[in-house]
PDB file of N, CA and C in Angstrom:
ATOM      1  N   MET A   1      62.072 189.853  11.074  1.00  0.00           N
ATOM      2  CA  MET A   1      61.622 191.198  10.772  1.00  0.00           C
ATOM      3  C   MET A   1      60.976 191.852  11.999  1.00  0.00           C
ATOM      4  N   LYS A   2      60.159 191.050  12.728  1.00  0.00           N
ATOM      5  CA  LYS A   2      59.530 191.585  13.936  1.00  0.00           C
ATOM      6  C   LYS A   2      60.579 191.983  14.970  1.00  0.00           C
ATOM      7  N   LEU A   3      61.634 191.183  15.043  1.00  0.00           N
ATOM      8  CA  LEU A   3      62.700 191.479  15.996  1.00  0.00           C
ATOM      9  C   LEU A   3      63.367 192.807  15.658  1.00  0.00           C
ATOM     10  N   LEU A   4      63.619 193.051  14.416  1.00  0.00           N
ATOM     11  CA  LEU A   4      64.246 194.298  13.983  1.00  0.00           C
ATOM     12  C   LEU A   4      63.369 195.507  14.303  1.00  0.00           C
ATOM     13  N   ILE A   5      62.077 195.387  14.037  1.00  0.00           N
ATOM     14  CA  ILE A   5      61.149 196.487  14.337  1.00  0.00           C
ATOM     15  C   ILE A   5      61.087 196.736  15.837  1.00  0.00           C
ATOM     16  N   ASN A   6      61.020 195.667  16.625  1.00  0.00           N
ATOM     17  CA  ASN A   6      60.998 195.824  18.085  1.00  0.00           C
ATOM     18  C   ASN A   6      62.285 196.472  18.591  1.00  0.00           C
ATOM     19  N   LEU A   7      63.416 196.080  18.042  1.00  0.00           N
ATOM     20  CA  LEU A   7      64.688 196.691  18.452  1.00  0.00           C
ATOM     21  C   LEU A   7      64.725 198.171  18.100  1.00  0.00           C
ATOM     22  N   LEU A   8      64.223 198.545  16.938  1.00  0.00           N
ATOM     23  CA  LEU A   8      64.195 199.959  16.554  1.00  0.00           C
ATOM     24  C   LEU A   8      63.292 200.766  17.484  1.00  0.00           C
ATOM     25  N   ILE A   9      62.168 200.203  17.860  1.00  0.00           N
ATOM     26  CA  ILE A   9      61.262 200.891  18.793  1.00  0.00           C
ATOM     27  C   ILE A   9      61.922 201.039  20.158  1.00  0.00           C
ATOM     28  N   ILE A  10      62.568 199.989  20.642  1.00  0.00           N
ATOM     29  CA  ILE A  10      63.247 200.048  21.945  1.00  0.00           C
ATOM     30  C   ILE A  10      64.374 201.067  21.914  1.00  0.00           C
ATOM     31  N   ILE A  11      65.148 201.093  20.845  1.00  0.00           N
ATOM     32  CA  ILE A  11      66.246 202.056  20.726  1.00  0.00           C
ATOM     33  C   ILE A  11      65.698 203.483  20.701  1.00  0.00           C
ATOM     34  N   ALA A  12      64.596 203.708  20.015  1.00  0.00           N
ATOM     35  CA  ALA A  12      63.996 205.042  19.963  1.00  0.00           C
ATOM     36  C   ALA A  12      63.512 205.479  21.343  1.00  0.00           C
ATOM     37  N   ILE A  13      62.894 204.572  22.093  1.00  0.00           N
ATOM     38  CA  ILE A  13      62.407 204.906  23.439  1.00  0.00           C
ATOM     39  C   ILE A  13      63.568 205.202  24.379  1.00  0.00           C
ATOM     40  N   VAL A  14      64.601 204.386  24.336  1.00  0.00           N
ATOM     41  CA  VAL A  14      65.767 204.595  25.203  1.00  0.00           C
ATOM     42  C   VAL A  14      66.480 205.896  24.840  1.00  0.00           C
ATOM     43  N   ALA A  15      66.613 206.182  23.554  1.00  0.00           N
ATOM     44  CA  ALA A  15      67.270 207.422  23.123  1.00  0.00           C
ATOM     45  C   ALA A  15      66.486 208.642  23.589  1.00  0.00           C
ATOM     46  N   LEU A  16      65.168 208.591  23.500  1.00  0.00           N
ATOM     47  CA  LEU A  16      64.341 209.702  23.968  1.00  0.00           C
ATOM     48  C   LEU A  16      64.477 209.888  25.478  1.00  0.00           C
ATOM     49  N   ALA A  17      64.510 208.791  26.208  1.00  0.00           N
ATOM     50  CA  ALA A  17      64.653 208.878  27.663  1.00  0.00           C
ATOM     51  C   ALA A  17      66.005 209.468  28.041  1.00  0.00           C
ATOM     52  N   VAL A  18      67.069 209.049  27.372  1.00  0.00           N
ATOM     53  CA  VAL A  18      68.401 209.591  27.646  1.00  0.00           C
ATOM     54  C   VAL A  18      68.444 211.083  27.319  1.00  0.00           C
ATOM     55  N   TYR A  19      67.831 211.473  26.221  1.00  0.00           N
ATOM     56  CA  TYR A  19      67.801 212.888  25.846  1.00  0.00           C
ATOM     57  C   TYR A  19      67.055 213.718  26.886  1.00  0.00           C
ATOM     58  N   GLN A  20      65.919 213.221  27.365  1.00  0.00           N
ATOM     59  CA  GLN A  20      65.150 213.953  28.368  1.00  0.00           C
ATOM     60  C   GLN A  20      65.926 214.081  29.682  1.00  0.00           C
ATOM     61  N   ILE A  21      66.611 213.021  30.087  1.00  0.00           N
ATOM     62  CA  ILE A  21      67.415 213.075  31.310  1.00  0.00           C
ATOM     63  C   ILE A  21      68.562 214.060  31.144  1.00  0.00           C
ATOM     64  N   TYR A  22      69.227 214.035  29.992  1.00  0.00           N
ATOM     65  CA  TYR A  22      70.315 214.970  29.723  1.00  0.00           C
ATOM     66  C   TYR A  22      69.811 216.411  29.768  1.00  0.00           C
ATOM     67  N   ARG A  23      68.667 216.666  29.133  1.00  0.00           N
ATOM     68  CA  ARG A  23      68.104 218.013  29.120  1.00  0.00           C
ATOM     69  C   ARG A  23      67.733 218.476  30.525  1.00  0.00           C
ATOM     70  N   HIS A  24      67.201 217.567  31.330  1.00  0.00           N
ATOM     71  CA  HIS A  24      66.824 217.910  32.698  1.00  0.00           C
ATOM     72  C   HIS A  24      68.051 218.286  33.519  1.00  0.00           C
ATOM     73  N   PHE A  25      69.112 217.479  33.457  1.00  0.00           N
ATOM     74  CA  PHE A  25      70.312 217.781  34.235  1.00  0.00           C
ATOM     75  C   PHE A  25      71.009 219.042  33.735  1.00  0.00           C
ATOM     76  N   ARG A  26      70.975 219.277  32.442  1.00  0.00           N
ATOM     77  CA  ARG A  26      71.593 220.488  31.903  1.00  0.00           C
ATOM     78  C   ARG A  26      70.878 221.738  32.400  1.00  0.00           C
ATOM     79  N   SER A  27      69.553 221.712  32.446  1.00  0.00           N
ATOM     80  CA  SER A  27      68.818 222.882  32.904  1.00  0.00           C
ATOM     81  C   SER A  27      68.822 222.999  34.418  1.00  0.00           C
ATOM     82  N   SER A  28      68.966 221.899  35.149  1.00  0.00           N
ATOM     83  CA  SER A  28      68.953 221.971  36.611  1.00  0.00           C
ATOM     84  C   SER A  28      70.244 222.549  37.167  1.00  0.00           C
ATOM     85  N   ARG A  29      71.301 222.580  36.384  1.00  0.00           N
ATOM     86  CA  ARG A  29      72.557 223.194  36.847  1.00  0.00           C
ATOM     87  C   ARG A  29      72.399 224.695  37.025  1.00  0.00           C
ATOM     88  N   GLN A  30      71.409 225.300  36.400  1.00  0.00           N
ATOM     89  CA  GLN A  30      71.214 226.743  36.477  1.00  0.00           C
ATOM     90  C   GLN A  30      70.483 227.165  37.745  1.00  0.00           C
ATOM     91  N   GLY A  31      70.065 226.242  38.557  1.00  0.00           N
ATOM     92  CA  GLY A  31      69.339 226.547  39.777  1.00  0.00           C
ATOM     93  C   GLY A  31      67.877 226.201  39.611  1.00  0.00           C
ATOM     94  N   LYS A  32      67.149 226.206  40.711  1.00  0.00           N
ATOM     95  CA  LYS A  32      65.767 225.756  40.670  1.00  0.00           C
ATOM     96  C   LYS A  32      64.898 226.643  39.790  1.00  0.00           C
ATOM     97  N   CYS A  33      65.014 227.941  39.925  1.00  0.00           N
ATOM     98  CA  CYS A  33      64.137 228.832  39.165  1.00  0.00           C
ATOM     99  C   CYS A  33      64.517 228.844  37.687  1.00  0.00           C
ATOM    100  N   ALA A  34      65.793 228.777  37.382  1.00  0.00           N
ATOM    101  CA  ALA A  34      66.210 228.808  35.981  1.00  0.00           C
ATOM    102  C   ALA A  34      65.855 227.518  35.265  1.00  0.00           C
ATOM    103  N   ALA A  35      65.696 226.445  36.022  1.00  0.00           N
ATOM    104  CA  ALA A  35      65.402 225.159  35.395  1.00  0.00           C
ATOM    105  C   ALA A  35      63.952 225.048  34.959  1.00  0.00           C
ATOM    106  N   CYS A  36      63.078 225.809  35.586  1.00  0.00           N
ATOM    107  CA  CYS A  36      61.670 225.689  35.222  1.00  0.00           C
ATOM    108  C   CYS A  36      61.394 226.466  33.947  1.00  0.00           C
ATOM    109  N   GLU A  37      60.544 225.924  33.110  1.00  0.00           N
ATOM    110  CA  GLU A  37      60.256 226.547  31.833  1.00  0.00           C
ATOM    111  C   GLU A  37      59.084 227.521  31.926  1.00  0.00           C
ATOM    112  N   TYR A  38      58.432 227.591  33.074  1.00  0.00           N
ATOM    113  CA  TYR A  38      57.286 228.460  33.265  1.00  0.00           C
ATOM    114  C   TYR A  38      57.769 229.881  33.523  1.00  0.00           C
ATOM    115  N   ASP A  39      57.189 230.841  32.862  1.00  0.00           N
ATOM    116  CA  ASP A  39      57.597 232.244  33.019  1.00  0.00           C
ATOM    117  C   ASP A  39      56.777 232.873  34.137  1.00  0.00           C
ATOM    118  N   CYS A  40      57.230 232.698  35.378  1.00  0.00           N
ATOM    119  CA  CYS A  40      56.486 233.212  36.523  1.00  0.00           C
ATOM    120  C   CYS A  40      56.899 234.651  36.834  1.00  0.00           C
ATOM    121  N   GLU A  41      56.201 235.256  37.757  1.00  0.00           N
ATOM    122  CA  GLU A  41      56.445 236.656  38.103  1.00  0.00           C
ATOM    123  C   GLU A  41      57.839 236.853  38.698  1.00  0.00           C
ATOM    124  N   ILE A  42      58.316 235.914  39.468  1.00  0.00           N
ATOM    125  CA  ILE A  42      59.638 236.031  40.086  1.00  0.00           C
ATOM    126  C   ILE A  42      60.725 236.080  39.016  1.00  0.00           C
ATOM    127  N   LYS A  43      60.595 235.246  37.979  1.00  0.00           N
ATOM    128  CA  LYS A  43      61.588 235.259  36.906  1.00  0.00           C
ATOM    129  C   LYS A  43      61.539 236.574  36.133  1.00  0.00           C
ATOM    130  N   ARG A  44      60.340 237.111  35.916  1.00  0.00           N
ATOM    131  CA  ARG A  44      60.229 238.387  35.201  1.00  0.00           C
ATOM    132  C   ARG A  44      60.857 239.509  36.012  1.00  0.00           C
ATOM    133  N   LEU A  45      60.637 239.493  37.332  1.00  0.00           N
ATOM    134  CA  LEU A  45      61.240 240.525  38.173  1.00  0.00           C
ATOM    135  C   LEU A  45      62.765 240.390  38.212  1.00  0.00           C
ATOM    136  N   ALA A  46      63.266 239.170  38.228  1.00  0.00           N
ATOM    137  CA  ALA A  46      64.712 238.954  38.258  1.00  0.00           C
ATOM    138  C   ALA A  46      65.363 239.411  36.965  1.00  0.00           C
ATOM    139  N   LYS A  47      64.677 239.292  35.853  1.00  0.00           N
ATOM    140  CA  LYS A  47      65.236 239.729  34.584  1.00  0.00           C
ATOM    141  C   LYS A  47      65.345 241.244  34.499  1.00  0.00           C
ATOM    142  N   HIS A  48      64.407 241.952  35.127  1.00  0.00           N
ATOM    143  CA  HIS A  48      64.368 243.408  35.038  1.00  0.00           C
ATOM    144  C   HIS A  48      65.048 244.100  36.214  1.00  0.00           C
ATOM    145  N   ARG A  49      65.630 243.339  37.114  1.00  0.00           N
ATOM    146  CA  ARG A  49      66.305 243.904  38.281  1.00  0.00           C
ATOM    147  C   ARG A  49      67.630 244.514  37.860  1.00  0.00           C
ATOM    148  N   PRO A  50      67.920 245.736  38.331  1.00  0.00           N
ATOM    149  CA  PRO A  50      69.214 246.356  37.994  1.00  0.00           C
ATOM    150  C   PRO A  50      70.359 245.585  38.639  1.00  0.00           C
ATOM    151  N   PRO A  51      71.509 245.549  38.011  1.00  0.00           N
ATOM    152  CA  PRO A  51      72.651 244.835  38.589  1.00  0.00           C
ATOM    153  C   PRO A  51      73.095 245.455  39.901  1.00  0.00           C
ATOM    154  N   SER A  52      73.443 244.608  40.862  1.00  0.00           N
ATOM    155  CA  SER A  52      73.895 245.108  42.163  1.00  0.00           C
ATOM    156  C   SER A  52      75.384 245.431  42.102  1.00  0.00           C
ATOM    157  N   ASP A  53      75.771 246.427  42.870  1.00  0.00           N
ATOM    158  CA  ASP A  53      77.191 246.849  42.903  1.00  0.00           C
ATOM    159  C   ASP A  53      77.923 246.241  44.047  1.00  0.00           C
TER     160      ASP A  53
END
């Protein structure tokens, strides 16, 4: 029984780690500024910038 509980805990930790790594790589493909979750002034200015021709 202890072995089963330990295996479930290990599987949960590994699954969480894989999910976090996947999320990091998915967001890093958008570039350095797009990957950060912090809403800084540069990101706000980039959102409101008119499209260039």
